[in-house]
């Protein structure tokens, strides 16, 4: 019985990590590794992380995010100055040509406020990213554990 439980648990964990590794294409942009952390209730904000690869010859910029999972979704950047961390609003996140830009813990990230409901591990929700030049694309965001540092994709950095 214990082996069946552990096997089922491993399949669920692997499936969650594999879904977070999906990649969406928008012109020269590849958007992947979209994930969030589980929240403690709906009154606390959530985060959104993603990797954006620009294979084109022109720079682009991420200018906004929206999701039905939160009434207010904004781009923020974690900044540490004189030992004090803050998270000011970012009007745009550069996506330089030929490079990968990551929204990741400790840097740029999506801040999801006024959640529609708590985010539970194993859940997923859509986020629409708006780019200055490429337009809009919607990606599926997987909710990982509260302690997660990100999905374990083969191409994850």
Foldseek 3Di string as FASTA:
>chain_A
DVVVVVVVVVVLLVVLLVQQADWDDQVQKIKGQWAWAFDDKQQAKIKIKIKIAGQDQAKKKWQAKDWPQAPDKFKWFWDADPNDTDTDTDRIGIHGHGGMDICFPRTIIMIGHRGPITQDQQDKTKMWIQMPPRGIDIGIYGYHYNPDRGRDDPPDD
